[in-house]
Amino acid sequence: GQMLVGDFQNAVVLRVFLEKVNGEWQGAVWPFAKGFLSGVNRLAMGSDGRLYVGGVKNAAWAAVAPKDYSLDRVSFTGQVPFEIKEGRAQADGFELTFTQPTDRAAAENAQNYFVTQHTYKYHSAYGSPEIDHDGKENSSTEIKVLKATASSDGLQVRLRLEDCRPGYVTAIQALDITSATGNALWHDTFYYTLNQIPSGVA
C-alpha cells in the first residue's frame, strides 16, 4: 500500500506513505535503497518480483552517481529491517507504526525524538531555501515533543507535539530508538508534508 519513487539527483529510491486527511492527500517519505550507478529515472517491478531501476545522467542533468547510464536490479533479502513503517498525522501530533516491536523504555522517552518544521517558497525561480515559522530563510522551527506513548505491543508510538502547524514539512527524527531485540532503525528520519491536521479530540 506504499509507493517507491526515484530521486534522480541523489540516485536513490524513496519510500512514500500516503493518507487522506480532511479530503486532502499528504504523507511521509523515507530513504529506501541507494547505491545506484546513475540518476534514477524509471522504476519497474519485474514478473520475477524484483525492482528494476533505469538510470541516466549528463552534463545538463547531473546526478550523484558514477555512470552515464545504468540498469540496476533490487532483490528482497527476505529480512524486513527495523523501520518506521508509517507516520500518521493526529490532532495533537503523530502516530508512528514500526515494523518490529520497539524497546518501550526508549520509545517512551520524549527526548529520543527531534522534530522540526519548515516550508518553501512557491515561485517561478528554481529551488527555495527552507523557511521557519517566523519566515526566516535557511532555518527550521523546533517542535517540542510533550509526550511519547507506546502501545502495549510496542509497535506504535504516539507523539504529542506543541505548536505543530499545517502547511509545513515536518521532519521527525527518532534518536536512540531500538527494537525490543536491540536492533537500530535502518533509517531514523522521515519527512511528512503536513497539509492538514486531522480534526477531532486530541
Protein backbone atom coordinates (compact mmCIF):
# COMPACT_ATOMS: atom_id res chain seq x y z
CA GLY A 1 0.00 0.00 0.00
CA GLN A 2 3.01 2.33 -0.28
CA MET A 3 4.93 3.79 -3.23
CA LEU A 4 8.53 3.77 -4.38
CA VAL A 5 9.74 6.99 -6.01
CA GLY A 6 13.04 7.62 -7.78
CA ASP A 7 15.24 10.56 -6.80
CA PHE A 8 17.28 11.46 -9.89
CA GLN A 9 19.85 13.86 -8.44
CA ASN A 10 20.76 11.74 -5.41
CA ALA A 11 20.49 8.41 -7.29
CA VAL A 12 18.31 6.82 -4.62
CA VAL A 13 14.86 5.25 -4.32
CA LEU A 14 12.48 6.65 -1.70
CA ARG A 15 9.54 5.05 0.09
CA VAL A 16 6.31 7.06 0.36
CA PHE A 17 3.36 6.55 2.73
CA LEU A 18 0.16 8.46 1.87
CA GLU A 19 -3.05 9.18 3.77
CA LYS A 20 -6.05 11.39 3.10
CA VAL A 21 -6.78 13.95 5.83
CA ASN A 22 -9.78 16.30 5.59
CA GLY A 23 -10.14 15.28 1.94
CA GLU A 24 -6.52 16.09 1.03
CA TRP A 25 -3.67 13.67 0.32
CA GLN A 26 -0.49 14.04 2.34
CA GLY A 27 2.16 11.78 3.75
CA ALA A 28 5.69 10.84 4.62
CA VAL A 29 8.87 9.91 2.77
CA TRP A 30 11.86 7.80 3.83
CA PRO A 31 15.05 6.66 2.08
CA PHE A 32 14.60 3.11 0.79
CA ALA A 33 17.58 1.99 -1.34
CA LYS A 34 20.80 3.63 -2.52
CA GLY A 35 23.98 2.80 -4.44
CA PHE A 36 22.52 3.07 -7.95
CA LEU A 37 25.01 3.61 -10.75
CA SER A 38 23.27 6.55 -12.41
CA GLY A 39 20.49 9.08 -11.78
CA VAL A 40 17.29 7.15 -11.02
CA ASN A 41 14.90 7.76 -13.92
CA ARG A 42 12.49 4.81 -14.23
CA LEU A 43 11.24 2.11 -11.86
CA ALA A 44 9.52 -1.14 -12.83
CA MET A 45 8.52 -4.24 -10.90
CA GLY A 46 9.52 -7.35 -12.82
CA SER A 47 7.49 -10.53 -13.13
CA ASP A 48 10.24 -12.12 -11.01
CA GLY A 49 9.29 -9.88 -8.05
CA ARG A 50 12.42 -7.75 -8.33
CA LEU A 51 12.61 -3.98 -8.75
CA TYR A 52 14.38 -2.77 -11.91
CA VAL A 53 15.84 0.73 -11.83
CA GLY A 54 16.83 2.54 -15.01
CA GLY A 55 19.31 5.38 -14.71
CA VAL A 56 20.81 8.13 -16.85
CA LYS A 57 22.65 11.42 -16.45
CA ASN A 58 24.55 14.02 -18.47
CA ALA A 59 26.12 17.45 -18.07
CA ALA A 60 22.75 19.19 -18.05
CA TRP A 61 21.11 16.65 -15.73
CA ALA A 62 23.70 15.82 -13.09
CA ALA A 63 23.36 13.04 -10.52
CA VAL A 64 25.49 11.82 -7.61
CA ALA A 65 26.41 8.59 -9.36
CA PRO A 66 29.40 7.28 -11.35
CA LYS A 67 27.86 6.17 -14.68
CA ASP A 68 26.14 7.98 -17.57
CA TYR A 69 23.51 5.23 -17.73
CA SER A 70 22.65 2.08 -15.83
CA LEU A 71 20.17 -0.71 -15.24
CA ASP A 72 20.13 -1.94 -11.65
CA ARG A 73 18.17 -4.81 -10.10
CA VAL A 74 16.98 -4.77 -6.48
CA SER A 75 16.14 -8.09 -4.82
CA PHE A 76 14.40 -8.63 -1.48
CA THR A 77 16.63 -10.43 1.03
CA GLY A 78 13.63 -11.84 2.88
CA GLN A 79 14.54 -9.91 6.04
CA VAL A 80 12.36 -6.93 6.98
CA PRO A 81 14.52 -4.26 8.66
CA PHE A 82 13.54 -2.38 11.80
CA GLU A 83 11.90 0.71 10.34
CA ILE A 84 9.18 3.26 10.92
CA LYS A 85 6.61 1.72 8.60
CA GLU A 86 4.01 4.51 8.76
CA GLY A 87 3.74 8.03 10.10
CA ARG A 88 0.15 9.23 10.53
CA ALA A 89 -0.93 12.76 11.41
CA GLN A 90 -3.01 13.12 14.57
CA ALA A 91 -4.94 16.05 16.07
CA ASP A 92 -2.14 16.58 18.60
CA GLY A 93 0.92 15.16 16.82
CA PHE A 94 1.80 11.91 15.05
CA GLU A 95 1.37 8.17 15.38
CA LEU A 96 4.37 6.09 14.31
CA THR A 97 3.99 2.42 13.38
CA PHE A 98 7.11 0.24 13.41
CA THR A 99 7.92 -2.97 11.55
CA GLN A 100 9.05 -4.63 14.80
CA PRO A 101 8.18 -4.04 18.47
CA THR A 102 10.19 -1.22 19.99
CA ASP A 103 12.09 -1.16 23.25
CA ARG A 104 9.29 0.60 25.16
CA ALA A 105 11.58 2.45 27.59
CA ALA A 106 13.44 4.07 24.69
CA ALA A 107 10.27 4.61 22.65
CA GLU A 108 8.54 6.44 25.52
CA ASN A 109 11.47 8.78 26.22
CA ALA A 110 10.35 12.08 24.65
CA GLN A 111 13.98 13.23 24.50
CA ASN A 112 14.67 10.48 21.96
CA TYR A 113 12.74 12.40 19.28
CA PHE A 114 13.73 15.58 17.47
CA VAL A 115 11.01 17.32 15.44
CA THR A 116 11.26 20.40 13.23
CA GLN A 117 9.07 22.18 10.70
CA HIS A 118 9.92 24.20 7.61
CA THR A 119 8.29 25.32 4.38
CA TYR A 120 9.46 26.54 0.98
CA LYS A 121 8.80 29.46 -1.34
CA TYR A 122 6.47 28.60 -4.18
CA HIS A 123 7.65 30.84 -7.02
CA SER A 124 8.85 30.80 -10.63
CA ALA A 125 12.54 30.66 -9.68
CA TYR A 126 14.07 27.18 -9.36
CA GLY A 127 14.52 25.94 -5.79
CA SER A 128 13.95 27.54 -2.41
CA PRO A 129 15.62 27.77 0.99
CA GLU A 130 13.94 26.19 3.99
CA ILE A 131 11.79 28.73 5.85
CA ASP A 132 10.77 28.52 9.53
CA HIS A 133 7.56 29.58 11.31
CA ASP A 134 8.81 33.18 11.56
CA GLY A 135 9.63 33.45 7.86
CA LYS A 136 13.39 33.19 8.40
CA GLU A 137 15.22 31.64 5.47
CA ASN A 138 17.64 28.75 5.77
CA SER A 139 16.03 27.87 9.06
CA SER A 140 13.53 25.48 10.61
CA THR A 141 11.44 25.66 13.78
CA GLU A 142 11.99 23.09 16.51
CA ILE A 143 8.75 21.48 17.72
CA LYS A 144 8.65 20.38 21.35
CA VAL A 145 7.76 16.75 21.98
CA LEU A 146 5.47 16.85 25.01
CA LYS A 147 4.94 13.12 25.43
CA ALA A 148 5.66 9.78 23.75
CA THR A 149 3.37 6.84 24.46
CA ALA A 150 3.99 3.31 23.17
CA SER A 151 1.24 0.75 22.56
CA SER A 152 1.21 -2.39 24.70
CA ASP A 153 2.76 -4.44 21.87
CA GLY A 154 5.44 -1.81 21.21
CA LEU A 155 4.54 -1.50 17.52
CA GLN A 156 3.08 2.02 17.74
CA VAL A 157 4.18 5.25 19.39
CA ARG A 158 2.02 8.37 19.79
CA LEU A 159 3.94 11.64 19.83
CA ARG A 160 2.15 14.62 21.36
CA LEU A 161 3.64 17.81 19.93
CA GLU A 162 3.44 21.50 20.78
CA ASP A 163 2.59 24.08 18.08
CA CYS A 164 2.78 21.71 15.13
CA ARG A 165 1.32 23.75 12.25
CA PRO A 166 -0.32 22.77 8.96
CA GLY A 167 1.30 23.97 5.75
CA TYR A 168 4.79 22.83 6.76
CA VAL A 169 7.07 19.89 6.13
CA THR A 170 7.53 18.10 9.46
CA ALA A 171 10.83 16.30 9.98
CA ILE A 172 10.73 13.60 12.66
CA GLN A 173 13.96 12.01 13.83
CA ALA A 174 13.79 9.01 16.16
CA LEU A 175 17.06 9.10 18.08
CA ASP A 176 18.29 6.06 20.01
CA ILE A 177 15.08 4.12 19.32
CA THR A 178 15.80 0.39 19.17
CA SER A 179 13.68 -2.70 18.69
CA ALA A 180 12.84 -4.95 21.61
CA THR A 181 15.67 -7.21 20.41
CA GLY A 182 18.21 -4.36 20.23
CA ASN A 183 18.17 -3.54 16.50
CA ALA A 184 18.80 0.06 15.46
CA LEU A 185 16.48 1.77 12.98
CA TRP A 186 17.58 1.34 9.38
CA HIS A 187 16.53 4.97 8.76
CA ASP A 188 15.83 7.19 11.77
CA THR A 189 14.37 10.23 9.97
CA PHE A 190 11.31 10.86 7.80
CA TYR A 191 9.66 13.95 6.34
CA TYR A 192 5.89 14.45 6.41
CA THR A 193 4.15 17.14 4.32
CA LEU A 194 1.50 18.32 6.77
CA ASN A 195 -1.14 20.00 4.61
CA GLN A 196 -3.99 19.24 7.02
CA ILE A 197 -4.24 18.42 10.72
CA PRO A 198 -6.95 15.82 11.49
CA SER A 199 -9.97 17.19 13.30
CA GLY A 200 -11.21 15.60 16.50
CA VAL A 201 -10.38 15.49 20.18
CA ALA A 202 -6.64 15.21 20.82
